[in-house]
Amino acid sequence: MQGVPKGHYPPPGECRIWYPNRSPGHQPPPTDCRTLYGVRLEPGAFILHGDQAYDAEYDWREEERRRPGSVTRDILDILFPRR
């Protein structure tokens, strides 16, 4: 994703919220993806997971329906928590 320096992507198995309107030094730290399940994100935020950036405003459930296996379970659980 543009604007995210490679060194700021989370380590394998972790996630990170990224806000485009904040400098790299003012971003939340990487964390276990499960701690982000159901977290409300500011408009424009992204979830970084592996080397991918997932726009919080895109319907990743629909993407997963169209292309099974294209979106990790962690991303779906963060953006669309099960009730």
Protein backbone atom coordinates (compact mmCIF):
# COMPACT_ATOMS: atom_id res chain seq x y z
CA MET A 1 0.00 0.00 0.00
CA GLN A 2 1.26 3.48 -0.80
CA GLY A 3 2.24 5.51 2.21
CA VAL A 4 3.15 2.60 4.48
CA PRO A 5 6.91 2.12 4.73
CA LYS A 6 7.77 -1.60 4.40
CA GLY A 7 9.37 -1.60 7.85
CA HIS A 8 6.02 -0.69 9.40
CA TYR A 9 4.11 -3.75 8.25
CA PRO A 10 3.39 -6.10 11.17
CA PRO A 11 5.41 -9.24 11.83
CA PRO A 12 3.99 -12.54 10.50
CA GLY A 13 0.81 -13.54 12.33
CA GLU A 14 0.06 -10.03 13.59
CA CYS A 15 -2.09 -7.15 12.39
CA ARG A 16 -1.77 -3.40 12.51
CA ILE A 17 -4.25 -0.59 12.06
CA TRP A 18 -2.91 2.13 9.76
CA TYR A 19 -4.35 5.64 9.56
CA PRO A 20 -3.31 7.52 6.41
CA ASN A 21 -3.60 10.91 8.16
CA ARG A 22 -0.97 10.00 10.80
CA SER A 23 2.80 9.84 10.48
CA PRO A 24 4.44 6.41 10.82
CA GLY A 25 5.62 7.22 14.35
CA HIS A 26 2.06 7.96 15.48
CA GLN A 27 0.43 4.73 14.31
CA PRO A 28 -0.85 2.06 16.72
CA PRO A 29 1.70 -0.74 17.21
CA PRO A 30 1.30 -4.20 15.66
CA THR A 31 -0.72 -6.61 17.78
CA ASP A 32 -2.25 -10.04 17.80
CA CYS A 33 -5.08 -9.90 15.24
CA ARG A 34 -7.62 -11.27 17.72
CA THR A 35 -7.27 -8.17 19.90
CA LEU A 36 -8.67 -6.14 16.98
CA TYR A 37 -11.82 -8.25 16.43
CA GLY A 38 -14.76 -5.85 16.34
CA VAL A 39 -12.69 -2.69 16.86
CA ARG A 40 -14.36 0.32 15.25
CA LEU A 41 -12.01 1.97 12.79
CA GLU A 42 -11.86 5.59 11.73
CA PRO A 43 -12.90 6.27 8.13
CA GLY A 44 -9.97 5.72 5.78
CA ALA A 45 -8.20 3.25 8.09
CA PHE A 46 -6.53 0.09 6.80
CA ILE A 47 -5.74 -3.22 8.44
CA LEU A 48 -2.23 -4.38 7.63
CA HIS A 49 -1.77 -8.15 7.67
CA GLY A 50 1.23 -9.87 6.16
CA ASP A 51 2.17 -7.81 3.13
CA GLN A 52 -1.45 -6.81 2.41
CA ALA A 53 -3.46 -3.72 3.28
CA TYR A 54 -7.22 -4.11 3.70
CA ASP A 55 -9.29 -0.96 3.33
CA ALA A 56 -11.82 -0.85 6.19
CA GLU A 57 -14.46 0.64 3.87
CA TYR A 58 -14.34 -2.13 1.24
CA ASP A 59 -16.71 -5.11 1.50
CA TRP A 60 -14.17 -7.89 2.02
CA ARG A 61 -16.97 -10.39 2.76
CA GLU A 62 -18.19 -9.98 -0.80
CA GLU A 63 -14.62 -10.32 -2.10
CA GLU A 64 -14.27 -13.59 -0.16
CA ARG A 65 -17.60 -14.83 -1.57
CA ARG A 66 -16.41 -14.07 -5.11
CA ARG A 67 -12.91 -15.47 -4.61
CA PRO A 68 -12.86 -18.01 -1.74
CA GLY A 69 -9.58 -18.00 0.16
CA SER A 70 -8.64 -14.47 -0.94
CA VAL A 71 -9.30 -12.82 2.45
CA THR A 72 -7.93 -14.21 5.71
CA ARG A 73 -10.32 -15.13 8.51
CA ASP A 74 -8.61 -12.57 10.80
CA ILE A 75 -9.50 -9.69 8.45
CA LEU A 76 -13.10 -10.83 8.20
CA ASP A 77 -13.35 -11.17 11.99
CA ILE A 78 -11.89 -7.71 12.55
CA LEU A 79 -14.06 -5.92 10.02
CA PHE A 80 -17.20 -8.05 10.34
CA PRO A 81 -17.36 -9.52 13.86
CA ARG A 82 -19.55 -12.57 14.38
CA ARG A 83 -22.45 -12.01 16.72
